[in-house]
PDB file of all heavy atoms in Angstrom:
ATOM      1  N   ARG A   1      -8.012  -1.491   3.325  1.00  0.00           N
ATOM      2  CA  ARG A   1      -8.053  -2.644   2.428  1.00  0.00           C
ATOM      3  C   ARG A   1      -7.469  -2.259   1.106  1.00  0.00           C
ATOM      4  O   ARG A   1      -7.430  -1.125   0.693  1.00  0.00           O
ATOM      5  CB  ARG A   1      -9.530  -3.091   2.207  1.00  0.00           C
ATOM      6  CG  ARG A   1     -10.199  -3.612   3.520  1.00  0.00           C
ATOM      7  CD  ARG A   1     -11.601  -4.019   3.305  1.00  0.00           C
ATOM      8  NE  ARG A   1     -12.143  -4.652   4.552  1.00  0.00           N
ATOM      9  CZ  ARG A   1     -12.077  -5.926   4.818  1.00  0.00           C
ATOM     10  NH1 ARG A   1     -11.503  -6.757   3.972  1.00  0.00           N
ATOM     11  NH2 ARG A   1     -12.583  -6.397   5.942  1.00  0.00           N
ATOM     12  N   THR A   2      -7.032  -3.283   0.343  1.00  0.00           N
ATOM     13  CA  THR A   2      -6.495  -3.037  -0.971  1.00  0.00           C
ATOM     14  C   THR A   2      -7.610  -2.745  -1.957  1.00  0.00           C
ATOM     15  O   THR A   2      -8.802  -2.859  -1.627  1.00  0.00           O
ATOM     16  CB  THR A   2      -5.721  -4.273  -1.475  1.00  0.00           C
ATOM     17  OG1 THR A   2      -6.622  -5.417  -1.582  1.00  0.00           O
ATOM     18  CG2 THR A   2      -4.619  -4.647  -0.498  1.00  0.00           C
ATOM     19  N   ASP A   3      -7.286  -2.386  -3.143  1.00  0.00           N
ATOM     20  CA  ASP A   3      -8.308  -2.117  -4.145  1.00  0.00           C
ATOM     21  C   ASP A   3      -9.139  -3.392  -4.491  1.00  0.00           C
ATOM     22  O   ASP A   3     -10.282  -3.278  -4.878  1.00  0.00           O
ATOM     23  CB  ASP A   3      -7.628  -1.651  -5.463  1.00  0.00           C
ATOM     24  CG  ASP A   3      -7.049  -0.234  -5.351  1.00  0.00           C
ATOM     25  OD1 ASP A   3      -7.421   0.470  -4.420  1.00  0.00           O
ATOM     26  OD2 ASP A   3      -6.181   0.129  -6.191  1.00  0.00           O
ATOM     27  N   ALA A   4      -8.550  -4.498  -4.214  1.00  0.00           N
ATOM     28  CA  ALA A   4      -9.278  -5.788  -4.398  1.00  0.00           C
ATOM     29  C   ALA A   4     -10.268  -6.055  -3.245  1.00  0.00           C
ATOM     30  O   ALA A   4     -11.066  -6.976  -3.354  1.00  0.00           O
ATOM     31  CB  ALA A   4      -8.309  -6.948  -4.522  1.00  0.00           C
ATOM     32  N   GLY A   5     -10.129  -5.239  -2.173  1.00  0.00           N
ATOM     33  CA  GLY A   5     -11.105  -5.355  -1.097  1.00  0.00           C
ATOM     34  C   GLY A   5     -10.651  -6.222   0.057  1.00  0.00           C
ATOM     35  O   GLY A   5     -11.477  -6.541   0.935  1.00  0.00           O
ATOM     36  N   TYR A   6      -9.423  -6.575   0.089  1.00  0.00           N
ATOM     37  CA  TYR A   6      -8.930  -7.468   1.157  1.00  0.00           C
ATOM     38  C   TYR A   6      -8.117  -6.744   2.187  1.00  0.00           C
ATOM     39  O   TYR A   6      -7.416  -5.813   1.912  1.00  0.00           O
ATOM     40  CB  TYR A   6      -8.118  -8.622   0.537  1.00  0.00           C
ATOM     41  CG  TYR A   6      -8.859  -9.489  -0.434  1.00  0.00           C
ATOM     42  CD1 TYR A   6      -8.678  -9.373  -1.806  1.00  0.00           C
ATOM     43  CD2 TYR A   6      -9.784 -10.402   0.055  1.00  0.00           C
ATOM     44  CE1 TYR A   6      -9.392 -10.145  -2.676  1.00  0.00           C
ATOM     45  CE2 TYR A   6     -10.528 -11.149  -0.811  1.00  0.00           C
ATOM     46  CZ  TYR A   6     -10.326 -11.071  -2.161  1.00  0.00           C
ATOM     47  OH  TYR A   6     -11.029 -11.852  -3.066  1.00  0.00           O
ATOM     48  N   GLY A   7      -8.215  -7.212   3.426  1.00  0.00           N
ATOM     49  CA  GLY A   7      -7.469  -6.640   4.534  1.00  0.00           C
ATOM     50  C   GLY A   7      -6.212  -7.433   4.832  1.00  0.00           C
ATOM     51  O   GLY A   7      -5.828  -8.353   4.082  1.00  0.00           O
ATOM     52  N   MET A   8      -5.574  -7.112   5.949  1.00  0.00           N
ATOM     53  CA  MET A   8      -4.295  -7.670   6.295  1.00  0.00           C
ATOM     54  C   MET A   8      -4.300  -9.226   6.336  1.00  0.00           C
ATOM     55  O   MET A   8      -3.336  -9.848   5.896  1.00  0.00           O
ATOM     56  CB  MET A   8      -3.804  -7.190   7.662  1.00  0.00           C
ATOM     57  CG  MET A   8      -2.388  -7.531   7.935  1.00  0.00           C
ATOM     58  SD  MET A   8      -1.921  -7.306   9.697  1.00  0.00           S
ATOM     59  CE  MET A   8      -2.385  -8.889  10.379  1.00  0.00           C
ATOM     60  N   SER A   9      -5.409  -9.822   6.745  1.00  0.00           N
ATOM     61  CA  SER A   9      -5.440 -11.269   6.891  1.00  0.00           C
ATOM     62  C   SER A   9      -5.278 -12.052   5.668  1.00  0.00           C
ATOM     63  O   SER A   9      -5.029 -13.250   5.679  1.00  0.00           O
ATOM     64  CB  SER A   9      -6.781 -11.660   7.601  1.00  0.00           C
ATOM     65  OG  SER A   9      -7.856 -11.316   6.768  1.00  0.00           O
ATOM     66  N   SER A  10      -5.342 -11.382   4.516  1.00  0.00           N
ATOM     67  CA  SER A  10      -5.215 -12.054   3.196  1.00  0.00           C
ATOM     68  C   SER A  10      -3.802 -11.969   2.657  1.00  0.00           C
ATOM     69  O   SER A  10      -3.524 -12.554   1.595  1.00  0.00           O
ATOM     70  CB  SER A  10      -6.151 -11.439   2.160  1.00  0.00           C
ATOM     71  OG  SER A  10      -7.515 -11.628   2.554  1.00  0.00           O
ATOM     72  N   TYR A  11      -2.901 -11.311   3.346  1.00  0.00           N
ATOM     73  CA  TYR A  11      -1.620 -10.999   2.749  1.00  0.00           C
ATOM     74  C   TYR A  11      -0.442 -11.416   3.650  1.00  0.00           C
ATOM     75  O   TYR A  11      -0.512 -11.311   4.887  1.00  0.00           O
ATOM     76  CB  TYR A  11      -1.473  -9.510   2.434  1.00  0.00           C
ATOM     77  CG  TYR A  11      -2.442  -9.040   1.401  1.00  0.00           C
ATOM     78  CD1 TYR A  11      -3.625  -8.486   1.751  1.00  0.00           C
ATOM     79  CD2 TYR A  11      -2.160  -9.208   0.044  1.00  0.00           C
ATOM     80  CE1 TYR A  11      -4.547  -8.056   0.793  1.00  0.00           C
ATOM     81  CE2 TYR A  11      -3.036  -8.827  -0.937  1.00  0.00           C
ATOM     82  CZ  TYR A  11      -4.249  -8.259  -0.562  1.00  0.00           C
ATOM     83  OH  TYR A  11      -5.108  -7.857  -1.538  1.00  0.00           O
ATOM     84  N   GLY A  12       0.645 -11.796   2.995  1.00  0.00           N
ATOM     85  CA  GLY A  12       1.883 -11.998   3.733  1.00  0.00           C
ATOM     86  C   GLY A  12       2.409 -10.638   4.152  1.00  0.00           C
ATOM     87  O   GLY A  12       2.099  -9.604   3.547  1.00  0.00           O
ATOM     88  N   MET A  13       3.196 -10.640   5.218  1.00  0.00           N
ATOM     89  CA  MET A  13       3.745  -9.412   5.760  1.00  0.00           C
ATOM     90  C   MET A  13       5.235  -9.591   5.972  1.00  0.00           C
ATOM     91  O   MET A  13       5.725 -10.721   6.179  1.00  0.00           O
ATOM     92  CB  MET A  13       3.049  -9.059   7.079  1.00  0.00           C
ATOM     93  CG  MET A  13       1.570  -8.807   7.006  1.00  0.00           C
ATOM     94  SD  MET A  13       1.160  -7.334   6.075  1.00  0.00           S
ATOM     95  CE  MET A  13       1.814  -6.094   7.162  1.00  0.00           C
ATOM     96  N   GLY A  14       5.952  -8.487   5.976  1.00  0.00           N
ATOM     97  CA  GLY A  14       7.392  -8.571   6.163  1.00  0.00           C
ATOM     98  C   GLY A  14       7.955  -7.428   6.990  1.00  0.00           C
ATOM     99  O   GLY A  14       7.293  -6.384   7.129  1.00  0.00           O
ATOM    100  N   TRP A  15       9.126  -7.625   7.486  1.00  0.00           N
ATOM    101  CA  TRP A  15       9.927  -6.590   8.188  1.00  0.00           C
ATOM    102  C   TRP A  15      11.227  -6.406   7.424  1.00  0.00           C
ATOM    103  O   TRP A  15      11.856  -7.381   7.042  1.00  0.00           O
ATOM    104  CB  TRP A  15      10.201  -6.925   9.643  1.00  0.00           C
ATOM    105  CG  TRP A  15       9.037  -6.849  10.591  1.00  0.00           C
ATOM    106  CD1 TRP A  15       8.217  -7.830  10.949  1.00  0.00           C
ATOM    107  CD2 TRP A  15       8.608  -5.655  11.232  1.00  0.00           C
ATOM    108  NE1 TRP A  15       7.260  -7.368  11.835  1.00  0.00           N
ATOM    109  CE2 TRP A  15       7.478  -6.001  12.044  1.00  0.00           C
ATOM    110  CE3 TRP A  15       9.031  -4.323  11.308  1.00  0.00           C
ATOM    111  CZ2 TRP A  15       6.810  -5.125  12.846  1.00  0.00           C
ATOM    112  CZ3 TRP A  15       8.366  -3.415  12.066  1.00  0.00           C
ATOM    113  CH2 TRP A  15       7.257  -3.814  12.868  1.00  0.00           C
ATOM    114  N   PHE A  16      11.574  -5.157   7.261  1.00  0.00           N
ATOM    115  CA  PHE A  16      12.855  -4.756   6.643  1.00  0.00           C
ATOM    116  C   PHE A  16      13.545  -3.767   7.592  1.00  0.00           C
ATOM    117  O   PHE A  16      12.904  -3.234   8.512  1.00  0.00           O
ATOM    118  CB  PHE A  16      12.637  -4.102   5.270  1.00  0.00           C
ATOM    119  CG  PHE A  16      12.121  -5.031   4.246  1.00  0.00           C
ATOM    120  CD1 PHE A  16      10.783  -5.443   4.204  1.00  0.00           C
ATOM    121  CD2 PHE A  16      12.975  -5.466   3.212  1.00  0.00           C
ATOM    122  CE1 PHE A  16      10.335  -6.347   3.257  1.00  0.00           C
ATOM    123  CE2 PHE A  16      12.515  -6.327   2.228  1.00  0.00           C
ATOM    124  CZ  PHE A  16      11.192  -6.725   2.254  1.00  0.00           C
ATOM    125  N   ARG A  17      14.806  -3.497   7.345  1.00  0.00           N
ATOM    126  CA  ARG A  17      15.514  -2.506   8.119  1.00  0.00           C
ATOM    127  C   ARG A  17      16.554  -1.802   7.245  1.00  0.00           C
ATOM    128  O   ARG A  17      17.021  -2.331   6.272  1.00  0.00           O
ATOM    129  CB  ARG A  17      16.172  -3.077   9.376  1.00  0.00           C
ATOM    130  CG  ARG A  17      17.352  -4.060   9.043  1.00  0.00           C
ATOM    131  CD  ARG A  17      17.855  -4.733  10.297  1.00  0.00           C
ATOM    132  NE  ARG A  17      18.961  -5.632  10.056  1.00  0.00           N
ATOM    133  CZ  ARG A  17      19.527  -6.392  10.970  1.00  0.00           C
ATOM    134  NH1 ARG A  17      19.026  -6.418  12.238  1.00  0.00           N
ATOM    135  NH2 ARG A  17      20.538  -7.168  10.688  1.00  0.00           N
ATOM    136  N   GLN A  18      16.860  -0.557   7.630  1.00  0.00           N
ATOM    137  CA  GLN A  18      17.867   0.221   6.963  1.00  0.00           C
ATOM    138  C   GLN A  18      18.770   0.894   7.959  1.00  0.00           C
ATOM    139  O   GLN A  18      18.303   1.751   8.727  1.00  0.00           O
ATOM    140  CB  GLN A  18      17.238   1.256   6.000  1.00  0.00           C
ATOM    141  CG  GLN A  18      18.249   1.962   5.138  1.00  0.00           C
ATOM    142  CD  GLN A  18      17.602   2.765   4.032  1.00  0.00           C
ATOM    143  OE1 GLN A  18      16.426   3.088   4.084  1.00  0.00           O
ATOM    144  NE2 GLN A  18      18.319   3.010   3.019  1.00  0.00           N
ATOM    145  N   ALA A  19      20.026   0.533   7.935  1.00  0.00           N
ATOM    146  CA  ALA A  19      21.013   1.139   8.813  1.00  0.00           C
ATOM    147  C   ALA A  19      21.582   2.386   8.103  1.00  0.00           C
ATOM    148  O   ALA A  19      21.543   2.503   6.840  1.00  0.00           O
ATOM    149  CB  ALA A  19      22.129   0.149   9.150  1.00  0.00           C
ATOM    150  N   PRO A  20      22.123   3.355   8.860  1.00  0.00           N
ATOM    151  CA  PRO A  20      22.704   4.543   8.245  1.00  0.00           C
ATOM    152  C   PRO A  20      23.740   4.224   7.218  1.00  0.00           C
ATOM    153  O   PRO A  20      24.687   3.444   7.471  1.00  0.00           O
ATOM    154  CB  PRO A  20      23.322   5.286   9.445  1.00  0.00           C
ATOM    155  CG  PRO A  20      22.539   4.796  10.640  1.00  0.00           C
ATOM    156  CD  PRO A  20      22.209   3.391  10.341  1.00  0.00           C
ATOM    157  N   GLY A  21      23.597   4.780   6.036  1.00  0.00           N
ATOM    158  CA  GLY A  21      24.581   4.586   4.970  1.00  0.00           C
ATOM    159  C   GLY A  21      24.506   3.259   4.244  1.00  0.00           C
ATOM    160  O   GLY A  21      25.353   2.976   3.403  1.00  0.00           O
ATOM    161  N   LYS A  22      23.496   2.479   4.597  1.00  0.00           N
ATOM    162  CA  LYS A  22      23.365   1.163   3.936  1.00  0.00           C
ATOM    163  C   LYS A  22      22.027   1.019   3.240  1.00  0.00           C
ATOM    164  O   LYS A  22      21.070   1.773   3.500  1.00  0.00           O
ATOM    165  CB  LYS A  22      23.489   0.065   5.023  1.00  0.00           C
ATOM    166  CG  LYS A  22      24.862   0.001   5.665  1.00  0.00           C
ATOM    167  CD  LYS A  22      24.987  -1.210   6.568  1.00  0.00           C
ATOM    168  CE  LYS A  22      26.385  -1.339   7.128  1.00  0.00           C
ATOM    169  NZ  LYS A  22      26.523  -2.546   7.989  1.00  0.00           N
ATOM    170  N   ASP A  23      21.937   0.064   2.337  1.00  0.00           N
ATOM    171  CA  ASP A  23      20.688  -0.206   1.689  1.00  0.00           C
ATOM    172  C   ASP A  23      19.706  -0.923   2.593  1.00  0.00           C
ATOM    173  O   ASP A  23      20.116  -1.514   3.614  1.00  0.00           O
ATOM    174  CB  ASP A  23      20.941  -1.152   0.471  1.00  0.00           C
ATOM    175  CG  ASP A  23      21.717  -0.488  -0.614  1.00  0.00           C
ATOM    176  OD1 ASP A  23      21.707   0.773  -0.717  1.00  0.00           O
ATOM    177  OD2 ASP A  23      22.384  -1.199  -1.396  1.00  0.00           O
ATOM    178  N   ARG A  24      18.454  -0.799   2.324  1.00  0.00           N
ATOM    179  CA  ARG A  24      17.421  -1.457   3.115  1.00  0.00           C
ATOM    180  C   ARG A  24      17.524  -2.931   2.869  1.00  0.00           C
ATOM    181  O   ARG A  24      17.795  -3.403   1.748  1.00  0.00           O
ATOM    182  CB  ARG A  24      16.034  -0.960   2.681  1.00  0.00           C
ATOM    183  CG  ARG A  24      14.912  -1.503   3.598  1.00  0.00           C
ATOM    184  CD  ARG A  24      13.678  -0.632   3.507  1.00  0.00           C
ATOM    185  NE  ARG A  24      13.173  -0.505   2.151  1.00  0.00           N
ATOM    186  CZ  ARG A  24      12.168   0.312   1.801  1.00  0.00           C
ATOM    187  NH1 ARG A  24      11.613   1.057   2.732  1.00  0.00           N
ATOM    188  NH2 ARG A  24      11.757   0.360   0.573  1.00  0.00           N
ATOM    189  N   GLU A  25      17.428  -3.734   3.936  1.00  0.00           N
ATOM    190  CA  GLU A  25      17.546  -5.192   3.852  1.00  0.00           C
ATOM    191  C   GLU A  25      16.384  -5.859   4.513  1.00  0.00           C
ATOM    192  O   GLU A  25      15.794  -5.359   5.460  1.00  0.00           O
ATOM    193  CB  GLU A  25      18.845  -5.650   4.540  1.00  0.00           C
ATOM    194  CG  GLU A  25      18.949  -5.457   6.012  1.00  0.00           C
ATOM    195  CD  GLU A  25      20.163  -6.069   6.634  1.00  0.00           C
ATOM    196  OE1 GLU A  25      20.914  -6.812   5.972  1.00  0.00           O
ATOM    197  OE2 GLU A  25      20.336  -5.895   7.847  1.00  0.00           O
ATOM    198  N   TRP A  26      16.075  -7.017   3.973  1.00  0.00           N
ATOM    199  CA  TRP A  26      14.970  -7.837   4.500  1.00  0.00           C
ATOM    200  C   TRP A  26      15.365  -8.486   5.821  1.00  0.00           C
ATOM    201  O   TRP A  26      16.514  -8.901   6.006  1.00  0.00           O
ATOM    202  CB  TRP A  26      14.640  -8.918   3.447  1.00  0.00           C
ATOM    203  CG  TRP A  26      13.688  -9.926   3.929  1.00  0.00           C
ATOM    204  CD1 TRP A  26      12.363  -9.758   4.246  1.00  0.00           C
ATOM    205  CD2 TRP A  26      13.984 -11.335   4.149  1.00  0.00           C
ATOM    206  NE1 TRP A  26      11.834 -10.982   4.638  1.00  0.00           N
ATOM    207  CE2 TRP A  26      12.797 -11.928   4.582  1.00  0.00           C
ATOM    208  CE3 TRP A  26      15.147 -12.096   4.037  1.00  0.00           C
ATOM    209  CZ2 TRP A  26      12.699 -13.279   4.905  1.00  0.00           C
ATOM    210  CZ3 TRP A  26      15.069 -13.452   4.344  1.00  0.00           C
ATOM    211  CH2 TRP A  26      13.855 -14.008   4.763  1.00  0.00           C
ATOM    212  N   VAL A  27      14.421  -8.568   6.731  1.00  0.00           N
ATOM    213  CA  VAL A  27      14.684  -9.132   8.051  1.00  0.00           C
ATOM    214  C   VAL A  27      13.849 -10.465   8.270  1.00  0.00           C
ATOM    215  O   VAL A  27      14.402 -11.475   8.613  1.00  0.00           O
ATOM    216  CB  VAL A  27      14.301  -8.167   9.199  1.00  0.00           C
ATOM    217  CG1 VAL A  27      14.461  -8.787  10.530  1.00  0.00           C
ATOM    218  CG2 VAL A  27      15.172  -6.907   9.082  1.00  0.00           C
ATOM    219  N   ALA A  28      12.549 -10.362   8.004  1.00  0.00           N
ATOM    220  CA  ALA A  28      11.684 -11.540   8.256  1.00  0.00           C
ATOM    221  C   ALA A  28      10.400 -11.348   7.457  1.00  0.00           C
ATOM    222  O   ALA A  28      10.006 -10.262   7.115  1.00  0.00           O
ATOM    223  CB  ALA A  28      11.375 -11.660   9.754  1.00  0.00           C
ATOM    224  N   ALA A  29       9.736 -12.483   7.295  1.00  0.00           N
ATOM    225  CA  ALA A  29       8.435 -12.495   6.558  1.00  0.00           C
ATOM    226  C   ALA A  29       7.551 -13.590   7.137  1.00  0.00           C
ATOM    227  O   ALA A  29       8.062 -14.594   7.633  1.00  0.00           O
ATOM    228  CB  ALA A  29       8.644 -12.634   5.067  1.00  0.00           C
ATOM    229  N   ILE A  30       6.240 -13.381   6.996  1.00  0.00           N
ATOM    230  CA  ILE A  30       5.243 -14.340   7.516  1.00  0.00           C
ATOM    231  C   ILE A  30       4.099 -14.430   6.528  1.00  0.00           C
ATOM    232  O   ILE A  30       3.640 -13.414   5.986  1.00  0.00           O
ATOM    233  CB  ILE A  30       4.809 -13.897   8.927  1.00  0.00           C
ATOM    234  CG1 ILE A  30       3.866 -14.936   9.570  1.00  0.00           C
ATOM    235  CG2 ILE A  30       4.099 -12.557   8.870  1.00  0.00           C
ATOM    236  CD1 ILE A  30       3.607 -14.710  11.072  1.00  0.00           C
ATOM    237  N   SER A  31       3.625 -15.645   6.313  1.00  0.00           N
ATOM    238  CA  SER A  31       2.497 -15.877   5.382  1.00  0.00           C
ATOM    239  C   SER A  31       1.189 -15.407   6.010  1.00  0.00           C
ATOM    240  O   SER A  31       1.128 -15.062   7.192  1.00  0.00           O
ATOM    241  CB  SER A  31       2.428 -17.336   5.027  1.00  0.00           C
ATOM    242  OG  SER A  31       2.142 -18.112   6.198  1.00  0.00           O
ATOM    243  N   TRP A  32       0.150 -15.420   5.228  1.00  0.00           N
ATOM    244  CA  TRP A  32      -1.134 -14.827   5.655  1.00  0.00           C
ATOM    245  C   TRP A  32      -1.691 -15.544   6.938  1.00  0.00           C
ATOM    246  O   TRP A  32      -2.275 -14.837   7.788  1.00  0.00           O
ATOM    247  CB  TRP A  32      -2.171 -15.000   4.564  1.00  0.00           C
ATOM    248  CG  TRP A  32      -2.579 -16.422   4.292  1.00  0.00           C
ATOM    249  CD1 TRP A  32      -1.952 -17.323   3.479  1.00  0.00           C
ATOM    250  CD2 TRP A  32      -3.677 -17.093   4.845  1.00  0.00           C
ATOM    251  NE1 TRP A  32      -2.600 -18.524   3.511  1.00  0.00           N
ATOM    252  CE2 TRP A  32      -3.655 -18.449   4.343  1.00  0.00           C
ATOM    253  CE3 TRP A  32      -4.690 -16.730   5.755  1.00  0.00           C
ATOM    254  CZ2 TRP A  32      -4.593 -19.373   4.702  1.00  0.00           C
ATOM    255  CZ3 TRP A  32      -5.640 -17.708   6.088  1.00  0.00           C
ATOM    256  CH2 TRP A  32      -5.615 -18.975   5.585  1.00  0.00           C
ATOM    257  N   SER A  33      -1.418 -16.819   7.047  1.00  0.00           N
ATOM    258  CA  SER A  33      -1.987 -17.562   8.185  1.00  0.00           C
ATOM    259  C   SER A  33      -1.005 -17.642   9.364  1.00  0.00           C
ATOM    260  O   SER A  33      -1.340 -18.045  10.477  1.00  0.00           O
ATOM    261  CB  SER A  33      -2.247 -19.002   7.770  1.00  0.00           C
ATOM    262  OG  SER A  33      -1.055 -19.668   7.412  1.00  0.00           O
ATOM    263  N   GLY A  34       0.261 -17.243   9.086  1.00  0.00           N
ATOM    264  CA  GLY A  34       1.259 -17.374  10.125  1.00  0.00           C
ATOM    265  C   GLY A  34       1.974 -18.693  10.066  1.00  0.00           C
ATOM    266  O   GLY A  34       2.941 -18.897  10.855  1.00  0.00           O
ATOM    267  N   ALA A  35       1.569 -19.607   9.235  1.00  0.00           N
ATOM    268  CA  ALA A  35       2.155 -20.920   9.165  1.00  0.00           C
ATOM    269  C   ALA A  35       3.589 -20.902   8.612  1.00  0.00           C
ATOM    270  O   ALA A  35       4.403 -21.766   8.920  1.00  0.00           O
ATOM    271  CB  ALA A  35       1.286 -21.902   8.356  1.00  0.00           C
TER     272      ALA A  35
END
């Protein structure tokens, strides 16, 4: 949990990727509820 006391269900989540020799880039994101 975070210092505020909340677990994953309270936060948006994301996926990023980094190819060789390139900067990390955003791939996808999802809100706390999945909506």
